[in-house]
Amino acid sequence: MKVKEKILPPTTTRWRKTAIFFMAVVIGLGLFMAKESRVISYMSDNPQACVNCHVMTPMYNSWMHSSHREYANCNDCHVPHNNVFNKYYFKAKDGLYHASVFTARMEPDVIEMKEASQEVVQSNCIRCHVQQVTQTKYDSYIDDHRENRTGRQCWSCHVNVPHGTVHGLSTIKYNVAPLPTDQQELVIPKWMEEQIEQED
């Protein structure tokens, strides 16, 4: 007994081809955007992932010149460490917010932490500096230190840690983004090359 093949009407096959075409376009654009935005780099703890957007260059450069550079990277301070799922959820949520603000060109001159980020940074300060927070030697010369050890934000006193006096995008003149670590050749910006030639 012969089984008859089901023949689809021409409109159905046309619809399938159109759907496959648009799905391929969406997937292709998604892969292209993921490559261009270096999505995989955000999964790492490499601080240079933070300067994929040039907006973070002043913060990166100020951190590079701080004592924290030897002991902590960006994720040590700005991402929760209570569990791995919360860490990557927070990174994704915060990263998508930053990317959307940067893409829309709506970044403020002075970037300030939102409430959720403040809580994360505060708990990470205490996590790393628990001995300093609990030591009694500070009680003698800092008013209300015993009562306010964890009640106030650490940066209410330590305002220049670890980013120094950098508070905005225009704080540092000629603020140049760091070179990727995998780059072998020295890249000198055109404006700097011209200035060097003029001085010679």
N, C-alpha and C. Protein backbone atom coordinates (compact mmCIF):
# COMPACT_ATOMS: atom_id res chain seq x y z
N MET A 1 0.84 -1.17 0.00
CA MET A 1 0.00 0.00 0.00
C MET A 1 0.89 1.24 0.00
N LYS A 2 0.60 2.13 -0.91
CA LYS A 2 1.40 3.34 -1.07
C LYS A 2 0.85 4.45 -0.18
N VAL A 3 1.79 5.12 0.53
CA VAL A 3 1.37 6.26 1.36
C VAL A 3 1.50 7.52 0.52
N LYS A 4 0.46 8.30 0.51
CA LYS A 4 0.49 9.54 -0.26
C LYS A 4 1.25 10.61 0.50
N GLU A 5 2.10 11.35 -0.21
CA GLU A 5 2.79 12.47 0.42
C GLU A 5 1.84 13.63 0.54
N LYS A 6 1.95 14.30 1.71
CA LYS A 6 1.09 15.46 1.93
C LYS A 6 1.71 16.66 1.23
N ILE A 7 1.01 17.24 0.32
CA ILE A 7 1.51 18.41 -0.40
C ILE A 7 0.94 19.66 0.24
N LEU A 8 1.86 20.54 0.69
CA LEU A 8 1.44 21.77 1.35
C LEU A 8 1.07 22.83 0.31
N PRO A 9 0.12 23.67 0.63
CA PRO A 9 -0.22 24.75 -0.29
C PRO A 9 0.96 25.69 -0.46
N PRO A 10 1.09 26.39 -1.59
CA PRO A 10 2.23 27.27 -1.85
C PRO A 10 2.40 28.38 -0.81
N THR A 11 1.33 28.85 -0.21
CA THR A 11 1.45 29.93 0.78
C THR A 11 2.17 29.44 2.03
N THR A 12 1.97 28.20 2.42
CA THR A 12 2.62 27.64 3.61
C THR A 12 4.13 27.53 3.39
N THR A 13 4.55 27.03 2.24
CA THR A 13 5.99 26.90 1.98
C THR A 13 6.64 28.29 1.88
N ARG A 14 5.92 29.25 1.29
CA ARG A 14 6.46 30.61 1.21
C ARG A 14 6.62 31.19 2.62
N TRP A 15 5.65 30.94 3.48
CA TRP A 15 5.69 31.43 4.86
C TRP A 15 6.87 30.82 5.62
N ARG A 16 7.11 29.53 5.42
CA ARG A 16 8.23 28.86 6.09
C ARG A 16 9.57 29.46 5.66
N LYS A 17 9.73 29.69 4.37
CA LYS A 17 10.98 30.28 3.87
C LYS A 17 11.19 31.67 4.45
N THR A 18 10.13 32.45 4.51
CA THR A 18 10.22 33.81 5.08
C THR A 18 10.58 33.75 6.56
N ALA A 19 9.93 32.84 7.29
CA ALA A 19 10.21 32.69 8.73
C ALA A 19 11.65 32.27 8.97
N ILE A 20 12.14 31.32 8.19
CA ILE A 20 13.52 30.86 8.33
C ILE A 20 14.50 31.98 8.01
N PHE A 21 14.19 32.75 6.97
CA PHE A 21 15.05 33.89 6.61
C PHE A 21 15.14 34.89 7.75
N PHE A 22 14.00 35.28 8.33
CA PHE A 22 14.01 36.27 9.41
C PHE A 22 14.66 35.72 10.68
N MET A 23 14.46 34.43 10.94
CA MET A 23 15.14 33.82 12.10
C MET A 23 16.65 33.85 11.90
N ALA A 24 17.12 33.56 10.68
CA ALA A 24 18.56 33.60 10.38
C ALA A 24 19.10 35.02 10.54
N VAL A 25 18.34 36.02 10.10
CA VAL A 25 18.76 37.42 10.25
C VAL A 25 18.88 37.79 11.71
N VAL A 26 17.88 37.43 12.51
CA VAL A 26 17.90 37.76 13.95
C VAL A 26 19.07 37.06 14.64
N ILE A 27 19.28 35.79 14.35
CA ILE A 27 20.39 35.04 14.96
C ILE A 27 21.73 35.62 14.52
N GLY A 28 21.84 35.94 13.24
CA GLY A 28 23.08 36.53 12.72
C GLY A 28 23.39 37.87 13.36
N LEU A 29 22.38 38.73 13.46
CA LEU A 29 22.58 40.04 14.12
C LEU A 29 22.94 39.86 15.59
N GLY A 30 22.29 38.90 16.24
CA GLY A 30 22.60 38.63 17.66
C GLY A 30 24.04 38.19 17.85
N LEU A 31 24.50 37.27 16.99
CA LEU A 31 25.89 36.80 17.08
C LEU A 31 26.87 37.92 16.77
N PHE A 32 26.55 38.75 15.77
CA PHE A 32 27.41 39.89 15.42
C PHE A 32 27.51 40.87 16.60
N MET A 33 26.37 41.19 17.21
CA MET A 33 26.38 42.12 18.35
C MET A 33 27.12 41.53 19.54
N ALA A 34 26.97 40.23 19.76
CA ALA A 34 27.68 39.58 20.87
C ALA A 34 29.19 39.64 20.66
N LYS A 35 29.64 39.45 19.40
CA LYS A 35 31.06 39.51 19.11
C LYS A 35 31.59 40.94 19.26
N GLU A 36 30.85 41.91 18.70
CA GLU A 36 31.29 43.30 18.75
C GLU A 36 31.31 43.86 20.17
N SER A 37 30.38 43.42 21.00
CA SER A 37 30.33 43.94 22.38
C SER A 37 31.16 43.10 23.34
N ARG A 38 31.84 42.08 22.82
CA ARG A 38 32.73 41.22 23.62
C ARG A 38 32.00 40.62 24.83
N VAL A 39 30.86 40.03 24.58
CA VAL A 39 30.00 39.49 25.63
C VAL A 39 30.75 38.48 26.51
N ILE A 40 31.57 37.63 25.91
CA ILE A 40 32.27 36.59 26.67
C ILE A 40 33.21 37.20 27.71
N SER A 41 33.79 38.37 27.40
CA SER A 41 34.74 38.99 28.34
C SER A 41 34.06 39.34 29.66
N TYR A 42 32.75 39.59 29.64
CA TYR A 42 32.05 39.97 30.87
C TYR A 42 31.85 38.79 31.81
N MET A 43 32.07 37.58 31.32
CA MET A 43 31.95 36.40 32.17
C MET A 43 33.20 36.23 33.04
N SER A 44 34.28 36.92 32.67
CA SER A 44 35.55 36.77 33.40
C SER A 44 35.65 37.79 34.52
N ASP A 45 36.73 37.71 35.27
CA ASP A 45 37.03 38.70 36.31
C ASP A 45 38.10 39.68 35.86
N ASN A 46 38.39 39.70 34.55
CA ASN A 46 39.41 40.59 34.02
C ASN A 46 38.91 42.04 34.08
N PRO A 47 39.62 42.93 34.78
CA PRO A 47 39.18 44.32 34.90
C PRO A 47 39.08 45.05 33.55
N GLN A 48 39.80 44.58 32.54
CA GLN A 48 39.74 45.27 31.24
C GLN A 48 38.39 45.07 30.56
N ALA A 49 37.60 44.12 31.02
CA ALA A 49 36.25 43.98 30.48
C ALA A 49 35.42 45.21 30.81
N CYS A 50 35.74 45.86 31.92
CA CYS A 50 34.98 47.04 32.33
C CYS A 50 35.24 48.24 31.43
N VAL A 51 36.35 48.25 30.70
CA VAL A 51 36.63 49.39 29.82
C VAL A 51 36.31 49.07 28.36
N ASN A 52 35.48 48.03 28.13
CA ASN A 52 34.95 47.85 26.78
C ASN A 52 34.14 49.09 26.41
N CYS A 53 33.49 49.69 27.40
CA CYS A 53 32.83 50.99 27.21
C CYS A 53 33.81 52.05 27.73
N HIS A 54 34.10 53.05 26.89
CA HIS A 54 35.11 54.03 27.30
C HIS A 54 34.66 54.86 28.48
N VAL A 55 33.40 54.80 28.86
CA VAL A 55 32.88 55.57 29.98
C VAL A 55 33.58 55.18 31.29
N MET A 56 33.99 53.93 31.39
CA MET A 56 34.63 53.45 32.62
C MET A 56 36.14 53.67 32.65
N THR A 57 36.70 54.27 31.64
CA THR A 57 38.15 54.46 31.57
C THR A 57 38.70 55.25 32.76
N PRO A 58 38.08 56.37 33.18
CA PRO A 58 38.63 57.09 34.35
C PRO A 58 38.64 56.23 35.61
N MET A 59 37.57 55.43 35.79
CA MET A 59 37.51 54.57 36.98
C MET A 59 38.57 53.48 36.91
N TYR A 60 38.76 52.92 35.72
CA TYR A 60 39.79 51.88 35.55
C TYR A 60 41.18 52.46 35.82
N ASN A 61 41.47 53.61 35.24
CA ASN A 61 42.80 54.21 35.41
C ASN A 61 43.06 54.60 36.85
N SER A 62 42.04 55.12 37.54
CA SER A 62 42.25 55.48 38.95
C SER A 62 42.44 54.23 39.81
N TRP A 63 41.71 53.15 39.50
CA TRP A 63 41.91 51.89 40.22
C TRP A 63 43.32 51.35 39.97
N MET A 64 43.81 51.48 38.73
CA MET A 64 45.16 50.99 38.39
C MET A 64 46.24 51.67 39.21
N HIS A 65 46.00 52.89 39.67
CA HIS A 65 46.99 53.63 40.45
C HIS A 65 46.70 53.58 41.95
N SER A 66 45.81 52.69 42.35
CA SER A 66 45.48 52.57 43.76
C SER A 66 46.11 51.31 44.35
N SER A 67 46.13 51.24 45.67
CA SER A 67 46.67 50.04 46.34
C SER A 67 45.73 48.85 46.17
N HIS A 68 44.46 49.09 45.89
CA HIS A 68 43.51 47.99 45.70
C HIS A 68 43.87 47.13 44.49
N ARG A 69 44.57 47.70 43.53
CA ARG A 69 44.92 46.96 42.31
C ARG A 69 45.64 45.65 42.64
N GLU A 70 46.45 45.66 43.70
CA GLU A 70 47.23 44.47 44.07
C GLU A 70 46.37 43.37 44.67
N TYR A 71 45.20 43.74 45.20
CA TYR A 71 44.43 42.77 45.96
C TYR A 71 43.02 42.52 45.45
N ALA A 72 42.46 43.47 44.69
CA ALA A 72 41.07 43.34 44.29
C ALA A 72 40.86 43.84 42.86
N ASN A 73 40.03 43.11 42.12
CA ASN A 73 39.63 43.60 40.80
C ASN A 73 38.22 44.17 40.89
N CYS A 74 37.67 44.62 39.79
CA CYS A 74 36.35 45.27 39.78
C CYS A 74 35.28 44.38 40.40
N ASN A 75 35.27 43.10 40.04
CA ASN A 75 34.24 42.19 40.54
C ASN A 75 34.37 41.91 42.03
N ASP A 76 35.55 42.02 42.58
CA ASP A 76 35.70 41.80 44.02
C ASP A 76 34.92 42.83 44.83
N CYS A 77 34.78 44.03 44.29
CA CYS A 77 34.05 45.09 45.00
C CYS A 77 32.62 45.27 44.52
N HIS A 78 32.38 45.13 43.23
CA HIS A 78 31.10 45.55 42.66
C HIS A 78 30.11 44.42 42.36
N VAL A 79 30.44 43.18 42.73
CA VAL A 79 29.56 42.05 42.46
C VAL A 79 29.37 41.25 43.75
N PRO A 80 28.15 40.76 44.03
CA PRO A 80 27.94 39.96 45.25
C PRO A 80 28.73 38.66 45.22
N HIS A 81 29.11 38.19 46.40
CA HIS A 81 29.90 36.96 46.50
C HIS A 81 29.22 35.91 47.37
N ASN A 82 27.90 36.05 47.61
CA ASN A 82 27.23 35.07 48.46
C ASN A 82 26.98 33.74 47.74
N ASN A 83 26.75 33.77 46.40
CA ASN A 83 26.69 32.54 45.62
C ASN A 83 26.90 32.86 44.14
N VAL A 84 27.27 31.85 43.37
CA VAL A 84 27.65 32.05 41.97
C VAL A 84 26.47 32.50 41.12
N PHE A 85 25.26 32.05 41.43
CA PHE A 85 24.09 32.44 40.65
C PHE A 85 23.78 33.92 40.85
N ASN A 86 23.84 34.36 42.09
CA ASN A 86 23.57 35.77 42.39
C ASN A 86 24.64 36.66 41.76
N LYS A 87 25.88 36.18 41.74
CA LYS A 87 26.97 36.94 41.14
C LYS A 87 26.70 37.22 39.66
N TYR A 88 26.39 36.15 38.90
CA TYR A 88 26.18 36.34 37.46
C TYR A 88 24.84 37.00 37.14
N TYR A 89 23.84 36.79 38.00
CA TYR A 89 22.56 37.50 37.81
C TYR A 89 22.79 39.00 37.97
N PHE A 90 23.52 39.38 39.02
CA PHE A 90 23.78 40.80 39.28
C PHE A 90 24.63 41.41 38.17
N LYS A 91 25.64 40.67 37.71
CA LYS A 91 26.49 41.14 36.61
C LYS A 91 25.65 41.37 35.35
N ALA A 92 24.77 40.43 35.05
CA ALA A 92 23.94 40.55 33.84
C ALA A 92 22.98 41.73 33.97
N LYS A 93 22.32 41.84 35.11
CA LYS A 93 21.34 42.92 35.32
C LYS A 93 22.03 44.29 35.25
N ASP A 94 23.12 44.43 35.97
CA ASP A 94 23.86 45.69 36.00
C ASP A 94 24.48 45.99 34.62
N GLY A 95 25.02 44.96 33.99
CA GLY A 95 25.65 45.12 32.68
C GLY A 95 24.67 45.55 31.61
N LEU A 96 23.48 44.94 31.60
CA LEU A 96 22.46 45.32 30.62
C LEU A 96 22.00 46.76 30.83
N TYR A 97 21.89 47.15 32.10
CA TYR A 97 21.52 48.54 32.39
C TYR A 97 22.60 49.49 31.87
N HIS A 98 23.87 49.20 32.19
CA HIS A 98 24.98 50.05 31.73
C HIS A 98 25.05 50.10 30.21
N ALA A 99 24.89 48.94 29.57
CA ALA A 99 24.97 48.88 28.11
C ALA A 99 23.85 49.69 27.46
N SER A 100 22.64 49.61 28.03
CA SER A 100 21.53 50.36 27.43
C SER A 100 21.72 51.86 27.60
N VAL A 101 22.22 52.28 28.77
CA VAL A 101 22.47 53.71 28.99
C VAL A 101 23.58 54.20 28.06
N PHE A 102 24.64 53.40 27.92
CA PHE A 102 25.76 53.78 27.07
C PHE A 102 25.35 53.82 25.60
N THR A 103 24.58 52.81 25.16
CA THR A 103 24.14 52.75 23.77
C THR A 103 23.23 53.93 23.42
N ALA A 104 22.39 54.32 24.36
CA ALA A 104 21.49 55.46 24.13
C ALA A 104 22.20 56.80 24.34
N ARG A 105 23.48 56.76 24.68
CA ARG A 105 24.29 57.98 24.92
C ARG A 105 23.67 58.85 26.02
N MET A 106 23.18 58.20 27.08
CA MET A 106 22.55 58.91 28.18
C MET A 106 23.38 58.84 29.46
N GLU A 107 24.68 58.48 29.34
CA GLU A 107 25.49 58.34 30.54
C GLU A 107 25.75 59.72 31.15
N PRO A 108 25.65 59.83 32.46
CA PRO A 108 25.93 61.11 33.12
C PRO A 108 27.43 61.36 33.19
N ASP A 109 27.81 62.61 33.41
CA ASP A 109 29.23 62.93 33.54
C ASP A 109 29.79 62.27 34.81
N VAL A 110 29.01 62.28 35.87
CA VAL A 110 29.42 61.64 37.12
C VAL A 110 28.54 60.41 37.33
N ILE A 111 29.17 59.24 37.31
CA ILE A 111 28.43 57.99 37.48
C ILE A 111 28.33 57.68 38.96
N GLU A 112 27.10 57.47 39.43
CA GLU A 112 26.87 57.16 40.84
C GLU A 112 26.20 55.80 40.96
N MET A 113 26.53 55.09 42.05
CA MET A 113 25.96 53.77 42.26
C MET A 113 24.50 53.85 42.67
N LYS A 114 23.71 52.93 42.15
CA LYS A 114 22.31 52.79 42.57
C LYS A 114 22.30 52.07 43.92
N GLU A 115 21.13 52.04 44.54
CA GLU A 115 21.01 51.49 45.90
C GLU A 115 21.48 50.03 45.99
N ALA A 116 21.11 49.21 45.01
CA ALA A 116 21.52 47.80 45.03
C ALA A 116 23.04 47.67 44.94
N SER A 117 23.66 48.50 44.12
CA SER A 117 25.12 48.47 44.00
C SER A 117 25.79 48.94 45.28
N GLN A 118 25.21 49.93 45.93
CA GLN A 118 25.77 50.42 47.19
C GLN A 118 25.77 49.32 48.25
N GLU A 119 24.69 48.55 48.31
CA GLU A 119 24.61 47.45 49.28
C GLU A 119 25.68 46.40 49.00
N VAL A 120 25.90 46.09 47.72
CA VAL A 120 26.90 45.09 47.33
C VAL A 120 28.30 45.58 47.70
N VAL A 121 28.62 46.82 47.36
CA VAL A 121 29.95 47.36 47.64
C VAL A 121 30.18 47.42 49.15
N GLN A 122 29.17 47.86 49.90
CA GLN A 122 29.30 47.94 51.37
C GLN A 122 29.58 46.56 51.96
N SER A 123 28.83 45.55 51.52
CA SER A 123 29.05 44.21 52.09
C SER A 123 30.42 43.67 51.68
N ASN A 124 30.90 44.02 50.48
CA ASN A 124 32.24 43.57 50.07
C ASN A 124 33.35 44.30 50.82
N CYS A 125 33.14 45.57 51.14
CA CYS A 125 34.13 46.28 51.98
C CYS A 125 34.26 45.56 53.32
N ILE A 126 33.13 45.24 53.92
CA ILE A 126 33.14 44.57 55.23
C ILE A 126 33.71 43.16 55.10
N ARG A 127 33.38 42.47 54.01
CA ARG A 127 33.88 41.10 53.79
C ARG A 127 35.41 41.07 53.78
N CYS A 128 36.02 42.03 53.10
CA CYS A 128 37.49 42.05 53.00
C CYS A 128 38.16 42.69 54.20
N HIS A 129 37.49 43.65 54.81
CA HIS A 129 38.12 44.42 55.89
C HIS A 129 37.45 44.16 57.24
N VAL A 130 36.99 42.94 57.44
CA VAL A 130 36.26 42.61 58.66
C VAL A 130 37.11 42.86 59.91
N GLN A 131 38.42 42.64 59.85
CA GLN A 131 39.26 42.88 61.03
C GLN A 131 39.31 44.35 61.39
N GLN A 132 39.46 45.21 60.38
CA GLN A 132 39.49 46.65 60.66
C GLN A 132 38.14 47.14 61.19
N VAL A 133 37.06 46.55 60.70
CA VAL A 133 35.73 46.97 61.15
C VAL A 133 35.50 46.57 62.60
N THR A 134 36.04 45.42 63.00
CA THR A 134 35.76 44.92 64.35
C THR A 134 36.83 45.26 65.38
N GLN A 135 37.96 45.84 64.95
CA GLN A 135 39.02 46.17 65.91
C GLN A 135 38.57 47.32 66.83
N THR A 136 38.94 47.22 68.09
CA THR A 136 38.53 48.24 69.06
C THR A 136 39.50 49.42 69.13
N LYS A 137 40.68 49.32 68.52
CA LYS A 137 41.66 50.40 68.64
C LYS A 137 41.16 51.71 68.00
N TYR A 138 40.20 51.60 67.05
CA TYR A 138 39.69 52.81 66.41
C TYR A 138 38.69 53.56 67.30
N ASP A 139 38.17 52.89 68.32
CA ASP A 139 37.14 53.51 69.16
C ASP A 139 37.64 54.73 69.89
N SER A 140 38.91 54.78 70.18
CA SER A 140 39.42 55.87 71.01
C SER A 140 39.49 57.21 70.27
N TYR A 141 39.67 57.19 68.95
CA TYR A 141 39.83 58.48 68.27
C TYR A 141 38.84 58.74 67.14
N ILE A 142 37.91 57.85 66.87
CA ILE A 142 36.86 58.12 65.88
C ILE A 142 35.53 58.14 66.62
N ASP A 143 34.85 59.28 66.57
CA ASP A 143 33.57 59.41 67.27
C ASP A 143 32.54 58.41 66.74
N ASP A 144 31.84 57.80 67.66
CA ASP A 144 30.76 56.86 67.34
C ASP A 144 31.19 55.69 66.46
N HIS A 145 32.49 55.36 66.44
CA HIS A 145 32.92 54.28 65.56
C HIS A 145 32.34 52.94 65.99
N ARG A 146 32.29 52.69 67.30
CA ARG A 146 31.78 51.42 67.79
C ARG A 146 30.31 51.23 67.38
N GLU A 147 29.51 52.28 67.51
CA GLU A 147 28.09 52.18 67.21
C GLU A 147 27.80 52.12 65.72
N ASN A 148 28.66 52.75 64.91
CA ASN A 148 28.37 52.89 63.48
C ASN A 148 29.30 52.08 62.58
N ARG A 149 29.89 51.02 63.09
CA ARG A 149 30.85 50.26 62.28
C ARG A 149 30.25 49.74 61.00
N THR A 150 29.05 49.21 61.07
CA THR A 150 28.43 48.68 59.86
C THR A 150 27.18 49.47 59.48
N GLY A 151 26.82 50.43 60.25
CA GLY A 151 25.62 51.22 59.98
C GLY A 151 25.82 52.30 58.94
N ARG A 152 26.99 52.84 58.84
CA ARG A 152 27.25 53.87 57.82
C ARG A 152 28.04 53.27 56.67
N GLN A 153 27.98 53.94 55.53
CA GLN A 153 28.72 53.43 54.37
C GLN A 153 30.20 53.74 54.52
N CYS A 154 31.02 52.77 54.17
CA CYS A 154 32.47 52.92 54.33
C CYS A 154 33.00 54.16 53.63
N TRP A 155 32.46 54.46 52.44
CA TRP A 155 32.97 55.59 51.66
C TRP A 155 32.48 56.93 52.16
N SER A 156 31.67 56.94 53.25
CA SER A 156 31.34 58.24 53.84
C SER A 156 32.60 58.84 54.49
N CYS A 157 33.54 57.98 54.90
CA CYS A 157 34.85 58.44 55.40
C CYS A 157 35.94 58.23 54.36
N HIS A 158 35.93 57.06 53.75
CA HIS A 158 37.00 56.69 52.79
C HIS A 158 36.56 57.02 51.37
N VAL A 159 36.25 58.27 51.12
CA VAL A 159 35.66 58.71 49.86
C VAL A 159 36.60 58.53 48.67
N ASN A 160 37.90 58.54 48.88
CA ASN A 160 38.85 58.44 47.77
C ASN A 160 39.38 57.03 47.54
N VAL A 161 38.74 56.02 48.15
CA VAL A 161 39.21 54.65 48.01
C VAL A 161 38.25 53.90 47.09
N PRO A 162 38.70 53.18 46.10
CA PRO A 162 40.03 53.14 45.52
C PRO A 162 40.18 54.06 44.30
N HIS A 163 39.15 54.86 44.01
CA HIS A 163 39.16 55.62 42.77
C HIS A 163 39.69 57.05 42.91
N GLY A 164 40.30 57.37 44.03
CA GLY A 164 40.91 58.68 44.20
C GLY A 164 39.92 59.81 44.05
N THR A 165 40.36 60.88 43.42
CA THR A 165 39.50 62.05 43.28
C THR A 165 38.76 62.06 41.95
N VAL A 166 38.75 60.93 41.25
CA VAL A 166 38.04 60.85 39.97
C VAL A 166 36.55 60.77 40.25
N HIS A 167 35.81 61.74 39.74
CA HIS A 167 34.37 61.73 39.95
C HIS A 167 33.58 61.89 38.67
N GLY A 168 34.24 62.08 37.53
CA GLY A 168 33.51 62.24 36.29
C GLY A 168 34.33 61.93 35.07
N LEU A 169 33.65 61.89 33.92
CA LEU A 169 34.32 61.56 32.67
C LEU A 169 35.34 62.61 32.26
N SER A 170 35.11 63.85 32.65
CA SER A 170 36.01 64.94 32.24
C SER A 170 37.05 65.27 33.31
N THR A 171 37.17 64.43 34.32
CA THR A 171 38.11 64.71 35.41
C THR A 171 39.56 64.61 34.96
N ILE A 172 39.85 63.63 34.10
CA ILE A 172 41.23 63.41 33.66
C ILE A 172 41.39 63.89 32.23
N LYS A 173 42.32 64.80 32.00
CA LYS A 173 42.58 65.30 30.66
C LYS A 173 43.32 64.23 29.87
N TYR A 174 42.98 64.09 28.60
CA TYR A 174 43.58 63.09 27.70
C TYR A 174 43.52 61.69 28.32
N ASN A 175 42.37 61.34 28.81
CA ASN A 175 42.17 60.04 29.45
C ASN A 175 42.15 58.95 28.37
N VAL A 176 43.21 58.16 28.30
CA VAL A 176 43.36 57.16 27.25
C VAL A 176 43.02 55.78 27.82
N ALA A 177 42.22 55.05 27.09
CA ALA A 177 41.84 53.70 27.52
C ALA A 177 43.05 52.79 27.50
N PRO A 178 43.12 51.82 28.41
CA PRO A 178 44.27 50.91 28.44
C PRO A 178 44.30 50.01 27.22
N LEU A 179 45.49 49.55 26.88
CA LEU A 179 45.65 48.63 25.76
C LEU A 179 45.20 47.24 26.18
N PRO A 180 44.60 46.48 25.28
CA PRO A 180 44.27 45.09 25.60
C PRO A 180 45.55 44.32 25.91
N THR A 181 45.48 43.36 26.81
CA THR A 181 46.66 42.63 27.22
C THR A 181 47.21 41.72 26.13
N ASP A 182 46.37 41.38 25.15
CA ASP A 182 46.84 40.49 24.08
C ASP A 182 47.47 41.24 22.91
N GLN A 183 47.57 42.56 23.02
CA GLN A 183 48.13 43.36 21.93
C GLN A 183 49.64 43.51 22.12
N GLN A 184 50.39 43.23 21.06
CA GLN A 184 51.85 43.26 21.16
C GLN A 184 52.44 44.61 20.79
N GLU A 185 51.83 45.29 19.81
CA GLU A 185 52.39 46.55 19.35
C GLU A 185 51.91 47.70 20.20
N LEU A 186 52.75 48.71 20.34
CA LEU A 186 52.38 49.91 21.06
C LEU A 186 51.54 50.80 20.15
N VAL A 187 50.37 51.19 20.62
CA VAL A 187 49.48 52.04 19.83
C VAL A 187 49.51 53.43 20.44
N ILE A 188 49.91 54.41 19.64
CA ILE A 188 49.94 55.80 20.10
C ILE A 188 48.83 56.55 19.38
N PRO A 189 47.94 57.20 20.14
CA PRO A 189 46.86 57.95 19.50
C PRO A 189 47.42 59.03 18.57
N LYS A 190 46.66 59.32 17.50
CA LYS A 190 47.10 60.27 16.48
C LYS A 190 47.40 61.64 17.08
N TRP A 191 46.53 62.13 17.99
CA TRP A 191 46.74 63.45 18.58
C TRP A 191 48.05 63.51 19.37
N MET A 192 48.40 62.37 20.02
CA MET A 192 49.63 62.33 20.81
C MET A 192 50.86 62.29 19.90
N GLU A 193 50.73 61.53 18.80
CA GLU A 193 51.82 61.46 17.83
C GLU A 193 52.13 62.84 17.26
N GLU A 194 51.07 63.60 16.91
CA GLU A 194 51.25 64.94 16.38
C GLU A 194 51.90 65.87 17.39
N GLN A 195 51.49 65.74 18.63
CA GLN A 195 52.06 66.59 19.69
C GLN A 195 53.54 66.27 19.92
N ILE A 196 53.89 64.99 19.87
CA ILE A 196 55.29 64.58 20.04
C ILE A 196 56.15 65.14 18.90
N GLU A 197 55.61 65.06 17.68
CA GLU A 197 56.33 65.59 16.51
C GLU A 197 56.53 67.09 16.62
N GLN A 198 55.53 67.80 17.12
CA GLN A 198 55.63 69.26 17.27
C GLN A 198 56.69 69.64 18.31
N GLU A 199 56.75 68.87 19.38
CA GLU A 199 57.73 69.17 20.45
C GLU A 199 59.15 68.86 20.02
N ASP A 200 59.32 67.89 19.10
CA ASP A 200 60.67 67.55 18.62
C ASP A 200 61.10 68.60 17.64
